[in-house]
PDB file of N, CA and C in Angstrom:
ATOM      1  N   UNK A   1     -15.247  53.012  69.907  1.00  0.00           N
ATOM      2  CA  UNK A   1     -16.279  52.313  69.241  1.00  0.00           C
ATOM      3  C   UNK A   1     -17.290  52.971  68.064  1.00  0.00           C
ATOM      4  N   UNK A   2     -17.890  53.299  69.219  1.00  0.00           N
ATOM      5  CA  UNK A   2     -18.888  54.374  68.088  1.00  0.00           C
ATOM      6  C   UNK A   2     -18.740  55.473  67.741  1.00  0.00           C
ATOM      7  N   UNK A   3     -17.995  55.278  66.919  1.00  0.00           N
ATOM      8  CA  UNK A   3     -17.700  56.199  65.692  1.00  0.00           C
ATOM      9  C   UNK A   3     -16.450  55.548  64.481  1.00  0.00           C
ATOM     10  N   UNK A   4     -17.069  54.537  64.888  1.00  0.00           N
ATOM     11  CA  UNK A   4     -15.645  53.698  63.836  1.00  0.00           C
ATOM     12  C   UNK A   4     -16.819  53.800  62.535  1.00  0.00           C
ATOM     13  N   UNK A   5     -17.969  53.897  62.412  1.00  0.00           N
ATOM     14  CA  UNK A   5     -18.158  54.423  61.024  1.00  0.00           C
ATOM     15  C   UNK A   5     -17.851  55.506  59.825  1.00  0.00           C
ATOM     16  N   UNK A   6     -18.087  56.560  61.045  1.00  0.00           N
ATOM     17  CA  UNK A   6     -17.375  57.419  60.467  1.00  0.00           C
ATOM     18  C   UNK A   6     -16.399  57.490  59.912  1.00  0.00           C
ATOM     19  N   UNK A   7     -15.432  56.440  60.055  1.00  0.00           N
ATOM     20  CA  UNK A   7     -14.223  57.061  59.843  1.00  0.00           C
ATOM     21  C   UNK A   7     -14.320  55.391  58.621  1.00  0.00           C
ATOM     22  N   UNK A   8     -14.923  55.035  58.424  1.00  0.00           N
ATOM     23  CA  UNK A   8     -14.854  54.285  56.848  1.00  0.00           C
ATOM     24  C   UNK A   8     -14.823  54.621  55.998  1.00  0.00           C
ATOM     25  N   UNK A   9     -13.746  53.388  55.197  1.00  0.00           N
ATOM     26  CA  UNK A   9     -13.893  54.713  53.330  1.00  0.00           C
ATOM     27  C   UNK A   9     -14.787  53.155  52.580  1.00  0.00           C
ATOM     28  N   UNK A  10     -14.510  51.951  53.188  1.00  0.00           N
ATOM     29  CA  UNK A  10     -14.890  51.055  52.502  1.00  0.00           C
ATOM     30  C   UNK A  10     -15.791  50.127  52.917  1.00  0.00           C
ATOM     31  N   UNK A  11     -16.620  49.085  52.476  1.00  0.00           N
ATOM     32  CA  UNK A  11     -17.606  48.525  53.585  1.00  0.00           C
ATOM     33  C   UNK A  11     -17.588  47.110  52.257  1.00  0.00           C
ATOM     34  N   UNK A  12     -17.571  46.196  53.376  1.00  0.00           N
ATOM     35  CA  UNK A  12     -17.893  44.906  52.225  1.00  0.00           C
ATOM     36  C   UNK A  12     -18.247  43.759  52.951  1.00  0.00           C
ATOM     37  N   UNK A  13     -18.982  42.677  52.541  1.00  0.00           N
ATOM     38  CA  UNK A  13     -20.167  42.366  52.842  1.00  0.00           C
ATOM     39  C   UNK A  13     -19.003  40.025  52.420  1.00  0.00           C
ATOM     40  N   UNK A  14     -18.517  39.479  53.313  1.00  0.00           N
ATOM     41  CA  UNK A  14     -17.735  38.070  52.495  1.00  0.00           C
ATOM     42  C   UNK A  14     -18.972  37.312  52.243  1.00  0.00           C
ATOM     43  N   UNK A  15     -19.212  36.579  52.429  1.00  0.00           N
ATOM     44  CA  UNK A  15     -19.736  35.075  51.695  1.00  0.00           C
ATOM     45  C   UNK A  15     -20.217  34.422  53.473  1.00  0.00           C
ATOM     46  N   UNK A  16     -20.676  34.277  53.644  1.00  0.00           N
ATOM     47  CA  UNK A  16     -21.086  33.516  54.891  1.00  0.00           C
ATOM     48  C   UNK A  16     -21.299  35.002  55.931  1.00  0.00           C
ATOM     49  N   UNK A  17     -21.303  34.621  57.561  1.00  0.00           N
ATOM     50  CA  UNK A  17     -21.616  35.723  58.451  1.00  0.00           C
ATOM     51  C   UNK A  17     -20.469  36.151  58.638  1.00  0.00           C
ATOM     52  N   UNK A  18     -19.062  36.240  58.462  1.00  0.00           N
ATOM     53  CA  UNK A  18     -18.551  37.231  58.608  1.00  0.00           C
ATOM     54  C   UNK A  18     -18.916  38.475  57.958  1.00  0.00           C
ATOM     55  N   UNK A  19     -18.323  39.555  58.473  1.00  0.00           N
ATOM     56  CA  UNK A  19     -18.578  41.232  57.741  1.00  0.00           C
ATOM     57  C   UNK A  19     -17.204  41.848  57.880  1.00  0.00           C
ATOM     58  N   UNK A  20     -16.817  42.543  57.193  1.00  0.00           N
ATOM     59  CA  UNK A  20     -15.537  43.464  56.941  1.00  0.00           C
ATOM     60  C   UNK A  20     -15.735  44.338  56.257  1.00  0.00           C
ATOM     61  N   UNK A  21     -15.258  45.940  57.611  1.00  0.00           N
ATOM     62  CA  UNK A  21     -15.174  46.862  57.216  1.00  0.00           C
ATOM     63  C   UNK A  21     -13.553  47.242  57.212  1.00  0.00           C
ATOM     64  N   UNK A  22     -13.112  48.626  56.306  1.00  0.00           N
ATOM     65  CA  UNK A  22     -11.943  48.530  56.147  1.00  0.00           C
ATOM     66  C   UNK A  22     -11.614  50.078  56.023  1.00  0.00           C
ATOM     67  N   UNK A  23     -10.616  50.797  56.328  1.00  0.00           N
ATOM     68  CA  UNK A  23     -10.596  52.516  56.099  1.00  0.00           C
ATOM     69  C   UNK A  23      -9.336  52.781  56.998  1.00  0.00           C
ATOM     70  N   UNK A  24      -8.747  53.760  55.667  1.00  0.00           N
ATOM     71  CA  UNK A  24      -7.269  54.527  56.254  1.00  0.00           C
ATOM     72  C   UNK A  24      -7.926  55.569  57.581  1.00  0.00           C
ATOM     73  N   UNK A  25      -7.281  54.985  58.424  1.00  0.00           N
ATOM     74  CA  UNK A  25      -6.763  55.730  60.229  1.00  0.00           C
ATOM     75  C   UNK A  25      -6.060  56.907  60.324  1.00  0.00           C
ATOM     76  N   UNK A  26      -6.526  58.024  60.372  1.00  0.00           N
ATOM     77  CA  UNK A  26      -5.073  58.489  60.934  1.00  0.00           C
ATOM     78  C   UNK A  26      -4.773  57.925  61.901  1.00  0.00           C
ATOM     79  N   UNK A  27      -3.196  58.788  62.204  1.00  0.00           N
ATOM     80  CA  UNK A  27      -2.755  57.765  63.442  1.00  0.00           C
ATOM     81  C   UNK A  27      -3.388  58.417  65.091  1.00  0.00           C
ATOM     82  N   UNK A  28      -4.027  59.694  65.063  1.00  0.00           N
ATOM     83  CA  UNK A  28      -4.483  59.511  66.529  1.00  0.00           C
ATOM     84  C   UNK A  28      -5.730  58.953  66.722  1.00  0.00           C
ATOM     85  N   UNK A  29      -6.156  58.727  65.850  1.00  0.00           N
ATOM     86  CA  UNK A  29      -7.509  57.779  65.176  1.00  0.00           C
ATOM     87  C   UNK A  29      -7.274  56.100  65.708  1.00  0.00           C
ATOM     88  N   UNK A  30      -6.184  56.106  65.518  1.00  0.00           N
ATOM     89  CA  UNK A  30      -5.222  54.195  65.841  1.00  0.00           C
ATOM     90  C   UNK A  30      -5.328  54.300  67.287  1.00  0.00           C
ATOM     91  N   UNK A  31      -4.523  55.234  67.845  1.00  0.00           N
ATOM     92  CA  UNK A  31      -4.327  55.572  69.357  1.00  0.00           C
ATOM     93  C   UNK A  31      -5.756  55.737  69.990  1.00  0.00           C
ATOM     94  N   UNK A  32      -6.309  56.309  69.603  1.00  0.00           N
ATOM     95  CA  UNK A  32      -7.142  56.254  70.505  1.00  0.00           C
ATOM     96  C   UNK A  32      -8.138  54.777  70.044  1.00  0.00           C
ATOM     97  N   UNK A  33      -8.190  54.327  69.008  1.00  0.00           N
ATOM     98  CA  UNK A  33      -8.523  52.518  68.876  1.00  0.00           C
ATOM     99  C   UNK A  33      -8.077  52.252  70.362  1.00  0.00           C
ATOM    100  N   UNK A  34      -7.126  52.013  70.538  1.00  0.00           N
ATOM    101  CA  UNK A  34      -5.988  51.410  71.671  1.00  0.00           C
ATOM    102  C   UNK A  34      -6.632  51.432  72.942  1.00  0.00           C
ATOM    103  N   UNK A  35      -7.204  53.024  73.633  1.00  0.00           N
ATOM    104  CA  UNK A  35      -7.536  53.906  74.576  1.00  0.00           C
ATOM    105  C   UNK A  35      -9.337  52.621  74.742  1.00  0.00           C
ATOM    106  N   UNK A  36     -10.346  53.072  73.666  1.00  0.00           N
ATOM    107  CA  UNK A  36     -11.442  52.446  73.573  1.00  0.00           C
ATOM    108  C   UNK A  36     -11.049  50.969  73.561  1.00  0.00           C
ATOM    109  N   UNK A  37     -10.525  50.072  72.868  1.00  0.00           N
ATOM    110  CA  UNK A  37     -10.886  48.789  73.398  1.00  0.00           C
ATOM    111  C   UNK A  37      -9.920  48.292  74.574  1.00  0.00           C
ATOM    112  N   UNK A  38      -9.126  48.862  74.993  1.00  0.00           N
ATOM    113  CA  UNK A  38      -8.558  48.693  76.775  1.00  0.00           C
ATOM    114  C   UNK A  38      -9.747  49.044  77.780  1.00  0.00           C
ATOM    115  N   UNK A  39     -10.674  49.835  77.452  1.00  0.00           N
ATOM    116  CA  UNK A  39     -11.843  50.269  78.615  1.00  0.00           C
ATOM    117  C   UNK A  39     -13.259  49.563  78.464  1.00  0.00           C
ATOM    118  N   UNK A  40     -13.445  48.972  76.580  1.00  0.00           N
ATOM    119  CA  UNK A  40     -14.453  49.072  76.792  1.00  0.00           C
ATOM    120  C   UNK A  40     -15.207  47.489  75.961  1.00  0.00           C
ATOM    121  N   UNK A  41     -13.904  46.292  76.007  1.00  0.00           N
ATOM    122  CA  UNK A  41     -14.036  45.384  75.139  1.00  0.00           C
ATOM    123  C   UNK A  41     -13.346  44.430  75.951  1.00  0.00           C
ATOM    124  N   UNK A  42     -13.415  42.999  75.912  1.00  0.00           N
ATOM    125  CA  UNK A  42     -12.540  41.919  76.778  1.00  0.00           C
ATOM    126  C   UNK A  42     -12.117  41.258  75.027  1.00  0.00           C
ATOM    127  N   UNK A  43     -10.712  41.595  75.868  1.00  0.00           N
ATOM    128  CA  UNK A  43      -9.513  41.158  74.622  1.00  0.00           C
ATOM    129  C   UNK A  43      -9.582  40.044  75.074  1.00  0.00           C
ATOM    130  N   UNK A  44      -9.530  39.380  73.520  1.00  0.00           N
ATOM    131  CA  UNK A  44      -9.282  37.402  73.508  1.00  0.00           C
ATOM    132  C   UNK A  44      -7.654  37.651  73.062  1.00  0.00           C
ATOM    133  N   UNK A  45      -6.937  38.156  72.008  1.00  0.00           N
ATOM    134  CA  UNK A  45      -5.590  38.021  71.494  1.00  0.00           C
ATOM    135  C   UNK A  45      -5.673  38.800  71.331  1.00  0.00           C
ATOM    136  N   UNK A  46      -4.011  39.137  71.245  1.00  0.00           N
ATOM    137  CA  UNK A  46      -3.376  40.092  70.369  1.00  0.00           C
ATOM    138  C   UNK A  46      -1.993  39.203  69.798  1.00  0.00           C
ATOM    139  N   UNK A  47      -2.033  39.934  68.432  1.00  0.00           N
ATOM    140  CA  UNK A  47      -0.639  39.275  67.527  1.00  0.00           C
ATOM    141  C   UNK A  47       0.161  40.021  67.371  1.00  0.00           C
ATOM    142  N   UNK A  48       1.564  40.047  67.229  1.00  0.00           N
ATOM    143  CA  UNK A  48       2.360  41.500  66.714  1.00  0.00           C
ATOM    144  C   UNK A  48       3.196  40.905  65.554  1.00  0.00           C
ATOM    145  N   UNK A  49       3.194  42.045  64.820  1.00  0.00           N
ATOM    146  CA  UNK A  49       4.705  41.771  64.050  1.00  0.00           C
ATOM    147  C   UNK A  49       5.624  42.414  63.819  1.00  0.00           C
ATOM    148  N   UNK A  50       6.399  42.389  64.196  1.00  0.00           N
ATOM    149  CA  UNK A  50       7.286  43.895  64.638  1.00  0.00           C
ATOM    150  C   UNK A  50       8.153  44.185  64.135  1.00  0.00           C
ATOM    151  N   UNK A  51       8.931  45.554  63.425  1.00  0.00           N
ATOM    152  CA  UNK A  51       9.428  45.610  62.040  1.00  0.00           C
ATOM    153  C   UNK A  51      11.141  45.353  62.831  1.00  0.00           C
ATOM    154  N   UNK A  52      11.924  45.358  63.704  1.00  0.00           N
ATOM    155  CA  UNK A  52      12.429  44.709  64.677  1.00  0.00           C
ATOM    156  C   UNK A  52      12.631  43.759  65.799  1.00  0.00           C
ATOM    157  N   UNK A  53      12.570  42.304  64.970  1.00  0.00           N
ATOM    158  CA  UNK A  53      12.214  40.973  65.895  1.00  0.00           C
ATOM    159  C   UNK A  53      12.956  41.558  66.959  1.00  0.00           C
ATOM    160  N   UNK A  54      14.273  41.562  66.599  1.00  0.00           N
ATOM    161  CA  UNK A  54      15.495  41.673  67.867  1.00  0.00           C
ATOM    162  C   UNK A  54      14.961  42.296  69.296  1.00  0.00           C
ATOM    163  N   UNK A  55      14.353  43.371  68.982  1.00  0.00           N
ATOM    164  CA  UNK A  55      14.225  44.548  70.329  1.00  0.00           C
ATOM    165  C   UNK A  55      13.082  43.871  70.478  1.00  0.00           C
ATOM    166  N   UNK A  56      11.648  43.478  70.127  1.00  0.00           N
ATOM    167  CA  UNK A  56      10.541  42.966  69.897  1.00  0.00           C
ATOM    168  C   UNK A  56      10.295  41.812  69.540  1.00  0.00           C
ATOM    169  N   UNK A  57       9.908  40.939  70.554  1.00  0.00           N
ATOM    170  CA  UNK A  57       9.325  39.943  70.014  1.00  0.00           C
ATOM    171  C   UNK A  57       8.307  39.341  68.959  1.00  0.00           C
ATOM    172  N   UNK A  58       7.975  38.671  68.154  1.00  0.00           N
ATOM    173  CA  UNK A  58       6.689  38.272  66.936  1.00  0.00           C
ATOM    174  C   UNK A  58       5.887  37.750  67.813  1.00  0.00           C
ATOM    175  N   UNK A  59       4.394  37.876  67.493  1.00  0.00           N
ATOM    176  CA  UNK A  59       3.397  36.753  67.914  1.00  0.00           C
ATOM    177  C   UNK A  59       2.429  37.527  69.339  1.00  0.00           C
ATOM    178  N   UNK A  60       2.255  36.338  70.476  1.00  0.00           N
ATOM    179  CA  UNK A  60       1.413  37.398  71.129  1.00  0.00           C
ATOM    180  C   UNK A  60       1.958  38.217  72.035  1.00  0.00           C
ATOM    181  N   UNK A  61       1.269  39.309  72.444  1.00  0.00           N
ATOM    182  CA  UNK A  61       1.540  40.603  72.809  1.00  0.00           C
ATOM    183  C   UNK A  61       0.134  40.926  74.145  1.00  0.00           C
ATOM    184  N   UNK A  62       0.690  41.574  74.751  1.00  0.00           N
ATOM    185  CA  UNK A  62      -0.804  42.216  75.021  1.00  0.00           C
ATOM    186  C   UNK A  62      -0.732  43.953  74.387  1.00  0.00           C
ATOM    187  N   UNK A  63      -2.130  44.234  75.235  1.00  0.00           N
ATOM    188  CA  UNK A  63      -2.268  45.218  73.998  1.00  0.00           C
ATOM    189  C   UNK A  63      -1.619  46.436  74.186  1.00  0.00           C
ATOM    190  N   UNK A  64      -1.451  46.177  75.607  1.00  0.00           N
ATOM    191  CA  UNK A  64      -0.511  47.757  75.907  1.00  0.00           C
ATOM    192  C   UNK A  64       1.433  48.170  75.060  1.00  0.00           C
ATOM    193  N   UNK A  65       2.103  46.371  74.814  1.00  0.00           N
ATOM    194  CA  UNK A  65       2.446  46.152  73.997  1.00  0.00           C
ATOM    195  C   UNK A  65       2.640  46.775  72.587  1.00  0.00           C
ATOM    196  N   UNK A  66       1.446  45.978  71.950  1.00  0.00           N
ATOM    197  CA  UNK A  66       0.484  46.456  70.553  1.00  0.00           C
ATOM    198  C   UNK A  66       0.895  47.962  70.287  1.00  0.00           C
ATOM    199  N   UNK A  67       0.563  48.309  71.271  1.00  0.00           N
ATOM    200  CA  UNK A  67      -0.038  49.934  71.306  1.00  0.00           C
ATOM    201  C   UNK A  67       1.634  50.815  71.542  1.00  0.00           C
ATOM    202  N   UNK A  68       2.334  50.236  72.024  1.00  0.00           N
ATOM    203  CA  UNK A  68       3.772  50.738  72.212  1.00  0.00           C
ATOM    204  C   UNK A  68       4.586  51.138  71.174  1.00  0.00           C
ATOM    205  N   UNK A  69       4.576  49.114  70.398  1.00  0.00           N
ATOM    206  CA  UNK A  69       5.115  49.463  69.158  1.00  0.00           C
ATOM    207  C   UNK A  69       4.844  49.989  67.628  1.00  0.00           C
ATOM    208  N   UNK A  70       3.015  50.289  67.637  1.00  0.00           N
ATOM    209  CA  UNK A  70       2.488  51.361  67.309  1.00  0.00           C
ATOM    210  C   UNK A  70       2.836  52.321  67.353  1.00  0.00           C
ATOM    211  N   UNK A  71       3.207  53.242  68.178  1.00  0.00           N
ATOM    212  CA  UNK A  71       3.176  54.983  68.719  1.00  0.00           C
ATOM    213  C   UNK A  71       4.957  54.804  68.507  1.00  0.00           C
ATOM    214  N   UNK A  72       6.053  53.883  68.904  1.00  0.00           N
ATOM    215  CA  UNK A  72       6.655  53.652  68.715  1.00  0.00           C
ATOM    216  C   UNK A  72       7.978  53.097  66.743  1.00  0.00           C
ATOM    217  N   UNK A  73       6.072  52.860  66.057  1.00  0.00           N
ATOM    218  CA  UNK A  73       6.742  52.547  64.575  1.00  0.00           C
ATOM    219  C   UNK A  73       7.789  51.436  65.056  1.00  0.00           C
ATOM    220  N   UNK A  74       7.358  50.996  65.426  1.00  0.00           N
ATOM    221  CA  UNK A  74       7.874  49.203  65.349  1.00  0.00           C
ATOM    222  C   UNK A  74       7.072  47.765  65.122  1.00  0.00           C
ATOM    223  N   UNK A  75       5.984  48.923  64.507  1.00  0.00           N
ATOM    224  CA  UNK A  75       4.729  47.378  64.794  1.00  0.00           C
ATOM    225  C   UNK A  75       4.791  47.435  62.810  1.00  0.00           C
ATOM    226  N   UNK A  76       4.618  46.476  62.015  1.00  0.00           N
ATOM    227  CA  UNK A  76       4.631  46.125  61.370  1.00  0.00           C
ATOM    228  C   UNK A  76       3.038  45.375  60.463  1.00  0.00           C
ATOM    229  N   UNK A  77       2.113  44.795  61.482  1.00  0.00           N
ATOM    230  CA  UNK A  77       1.085  44.682  61.511  1.00  0.00           C
ATOM    231  C   UNK A  77       0.763  43.628  63.013  1.00  0.00           C
ATOM    232  N   UNK A  78      -0.270  44.368  63.434  1.00  0.00           N
ATOM    233  CA  UNK A  78      -0.946  44.177  64.638  1.00  0.00           C
ATOM    234  C   UNK A  78      -2.646  43.306  64.918  1.00  0.00           C
ATOM    235  N   UNK A  79      -2.992  42.287  65.127  1.00  0.00           N
ATOM    236  CA  UNK A  79      -4.023  41.797  65.154  1.00  0.00           C
ATOM    237  C   UNK A  79      -5.217  41.896  66.923  1.00  0.00           C
ATOM    238  N   UNK A  80      -6.425  42.225  66.835  1.00  0.00           N
ATOM    239  CA  UNK A  80      -6.980  42.323  68.507  1.00  0.00           C
ATOM    240  C   UNK A  80      -8.053  41.048  67.526  1.00  0.00           C
ATOM    241  N   UNK A  81      -8.482  40.437  68.846  1.00  0.00           N
ATOM    242  CA  UNK A  81      -9.362  39.964  68.654  1.00  0.00           C
ATOM    243  C   UNK A  81     -10.411  39.959  69.915  1.00  0.00           C
ATOM    244  N   UNK A  82     -11.367  40.981  70.027  1.00  0.00           N
ATOM    245  CA  UNK A  82     -12.127  40.548  71.193  1.00  0.00           C
ATOM    246  C   UNK A  82     -13.609  40.706  71.118  1.00  0.00           C
ATOM    247  N   UNK A  83     -14.166  40.652  72.527  1.00  0.00           N
ATOM    248  CA  UNK A  83     -15.817  40.306  72.856  1.00  0.00           C
ATOM    249  C   UNK A  83     -15.956  42.203  72.309  1.00  0.00           C
ATOM    250  N   UNK A  84     -17.418  42.720  71.966  1.00  0.00           N
ATOM    251  CA  UNK A  84     -17.795  43.980  72.093  1.00  0.00           C
ATOM    252  C   UNK A  84     -19.461  43.584  71.647  1.00  0.00           C
ATOM    253  N   UNK A  85     -20.362  44.012  72.540  1.00  0.00           N
ATOM    254  CA  UNK A  85     -21.972  44.196  72.241  1.00  0.00           C
ATOM    255  C   UNK A  85     -22.006  42.440  71.807  1.00  0.00           C
ATOM    256  N   UNK A  86     -21.558  41.633  72.653  1.00  0.00           N
ATOM    257  CA  UNK A  86     -22.242  39.933  72.010  1.00  0.00           C
ATOM    258  C   UNK A  86     -21.831  39.802  71.067  1.00  0.00           C
ATOM    259  N   UNK A  87     -20.906  40.084  70.590  1.00  0.00           N
ATOM    260  CA  UNK A  87     -20.274  39.643  68.788  1.00  0.00           C
ATOM    261  C   UNK A  87     -18.742  39.561  69.556  1.00  0.00           C
ATOM    262  N   UNK A  88     -18.419  39.029  68.187  1.00  0.00           N
ATOM    263  CA  UNK A  88     -16.654  39.003  68.253  1.00  0.00           C
ATOM    264  C   UNK A  88     -16.644  39.363  66.817  1.00  0.00           C
ATOM    265  N   UNK A  89     -15.197  39.985  67.593  1.00  0.00           N
ATOM    266  CA  UNK A  89     -14.461  41.104  66.693  1.00  0.00           C
ATOM    267  C   UNK A  89     -12.689  40.793  66.639  1.00  0.00           C
ATOM    268  N   UNK A  90     -12.199  41.311  64.931  1.00  0.00           N
ATOM    269  CA  UNK A  90     -10.708  40.856  65.071  1.00  0.00           C
ATOM    270  C   UNK A  90     -10.543  42.409  64.193  1.00  0.00           C
ATOM    271  N   UNK A  91      -9.692  43.023  64.905  1.00  0.00           N
ATOM    272  CA  UNK A  91      -8.947  44.437  64.075  1.00  0.00           C
ATOM    273  C   UNK A  91      -7.689  43.921  64.198  1.00  0.00           C
ATOM    274  N   UNK A  92      -7.806  44.594  62.728  1.00  0.00           N
ATOM    275  CA  UNK A  92      -6.322  43.874  62.094  1.00  0.00           C
ATOM    276  C   UNK A  92      -5.644  45.881  61.385  1.00  0.00           C
ATOM    277  N   UNK A  93      -4.797  45.968  62.234  1.00  0.00           N
ATOM    278  CA  UNK A  93      -3.698  47.368  61.889  1.00  0.00           C
ATOM    279  C   UNK A  93      -3.039  47.346  61.079  1.00  0.00           C
ATOM    280  N   UNK A  94      -2.958  47.795  60.046  1.00  0.00           N
ATOM    281  CA  UNK A  94      -1.019  47.777  59.004  1.00  0.00           C
ATOM    282  C   UNK A  94      -1.191  49.328  59.279  1.00  0.00           C
ATOM    283  N   UNK A  95      -0.158  49.557  60.128  1.00  0.00           N
ATOM    284  CA  UNK A  95       0.052  50.979  60.413  1.00  0.00           C
ATOM    285  C   UNK A  95       1.424  51.520  59.088  1.00  0.00           C
ATOM    286  N   UNK A  96       0.966  52.956  58.083  1.00  0.00           N
ATOM    287  CA  UNK A  96       1.548  53.342  57.460  1.00  0.00           C
ATOM    288  C   UNK A  96       2.671  54.319  57.922  1.00  0.00           C
ATOM    289  N   UNK A  97       2.919  55.161  56.751  1.00  0.00           N
ATOM    290  CA  UNK A  97       3.674  56.694  56.847  1.00  0.00           C
ATOM    291  C   UNK A  97       2.175  57.593  57.575  1.00  0.00           C
ATOM    292  N   UNK A  98       1.900  57.990  58.664  1.00  0.00           N
ATOM    293  CA  UNK A  98       1.503  58.996  59.321  1.00  0.00           C
ATOM    294  C   UNK A  98       0.062  58.348  59.573  1.00  0.00           C
ATOM    295  N   UNK A  99      -0.471  56.811  59.208  1.00  0.00           N
ATOM    296  CA  UNK A  99      -1.665  56.379  59.263  1.00  0.00           C
ATOM    297  C   UNK A  99      -1.817  55.236  59.244  1.00  0.00           C
ATOM    298  N   UNK A 100      -2.785  54.099  58.935  1.00  0.00           N
ATOM    299  CA  UNK A 100      -2.884  52.828  58.970  1.00  0.00           C
ATOM    300  C   UNK A 100      -4.390  52.438  58.354  1.00  0.00           C
ATOM    301  N   UNK A 101      -4.169  51.542  57.726  1.00  0.00           N
ATOM    302  CA  UNK A 101      -4.973  50.544  56.883  1.00  0.00           C
ATOM    303  C   UNK A 101      -5.838  49.991  58.312  1.00  0.00           C
ATOM    304  N   UNK A 102      -7.034  50.105  58.604  1.00  0.00           N
ATOM    305  CA  UNK A 102      -7.616  48.915  59.685  1.00  0.00           C
ATOM    306  C   UNK A 102      -8.507  48.104  59.018  1.00  0.00           C
ATOM    307  N   UNK A 103      -8.461  46.867  59.220  1.00  0.00           N
ATOM    308  CA  UNK A 103      -9.715  46.126  58.790  1.00  0.00           C
ATOM    309  C   UNK A 103     -10.335  45.541  59.984  1.00  0.00           C
ATOM    310  N   UNK A 104     -11.462  45.857  59.711  1.00  0.00           N
ATOM    311  CA  UNK A 104     -12.280  45.643  61.273  1.00  0.00           C
ATOM    312  C   UNK A 104     -13.744  44.423  60.700  1.00  0.00           C
ATOM    313  N   UNK A 105     -13.201  42.799  61.118  1.00  0.00           N
ATOM    314  CA  UNK A 105     -13.757  41.864  61.239  1.00  0.00           C
ATOM    315  C   UNK A 105     -15.110  41.816  62.590  1.00  0.00           C
ATOM    316  N   UNK A 106     -16.153  40.942  61.894  1.00  0.00           N
ATOM    317  CA  UNK A 106     -16.916  40.779  62.657  1.00  0.00           C
ATOM    318  C   UNK A 106     -16.913  39.496  62.203  1.00  0.00           C
ATOM    319  N   UNK A 107     -16.722  38.849  63.173  1.00  0.00           N
ATOM    320  CA  UNK A 107     -17.071  36.969  63.490  1.00  0.00           C
ATOM    321  C   UNK A 107     -18.153  36.739  63.829  1.00  0.00           C
ATOM    322  N   UNK A 108     -17.678  34.912  63.816  1.00  0.00           N
ATOM    323  CA  UNK A 108     -19.285  34.054  63.703  1.00  0.00           C
ATOM    324  C   UNK A 108     -18.669  33.990  65.815  1.00  0.00           C
ATOM    325  N   UNK A 109     -19.289  34.246  66.173  1.00  0.00           N
ATOM    326  CA  UNK A 109     -19.318  33.906  67.504  1.00  0.00           C
ATOM    327  C   UNK A 109     -18.760  32.353  68.065  1.00  0.00           C
ATOM    328  N   UNK A 110     -18.721  31.474  67.324  1.00  0.00           N
ATOM    329  CA  UNK A 110     -18.381  29.860  67.213  1.00  0.00           C
ATOM    330  C   UNK A 110     -16.530  29.754  66.345  1.00  0.00           C
ATOM    331  N   UNK A 111     -16.300  31.198  66.578  1.00  0.00           N
ATOM    332  CA  UNK A 111     -14.784  30.961  65.437  1.00  0.00           C
ATOM    333  C   UNK A 111     -13.988  30.713  66.291  1.00  0.00           C
TER     334      UNK A 111
END
């Protein structure tokens, strides 16, 4: 989590309180993200969209199921909401060939 800023390629601020950070990450960086999230955050919800819905259900999933879907190239989109350092965050992971687009949004706590 601490080295996210080093991997960013673009930063935007939306109107209101939410802030959005977006970047393209290498596959191994995304796998490391799953490990960091499992160790250092309070996971609130994980949503998974699978390339093969007959083999893996779309919808609410565990963090480990989302990681497995990413590693096996079955995921088309993953969204993870979590608390970290007294803030609410939402990471959206959009897998691509050999990398992923990661969009991190800091949400207002009342969201």
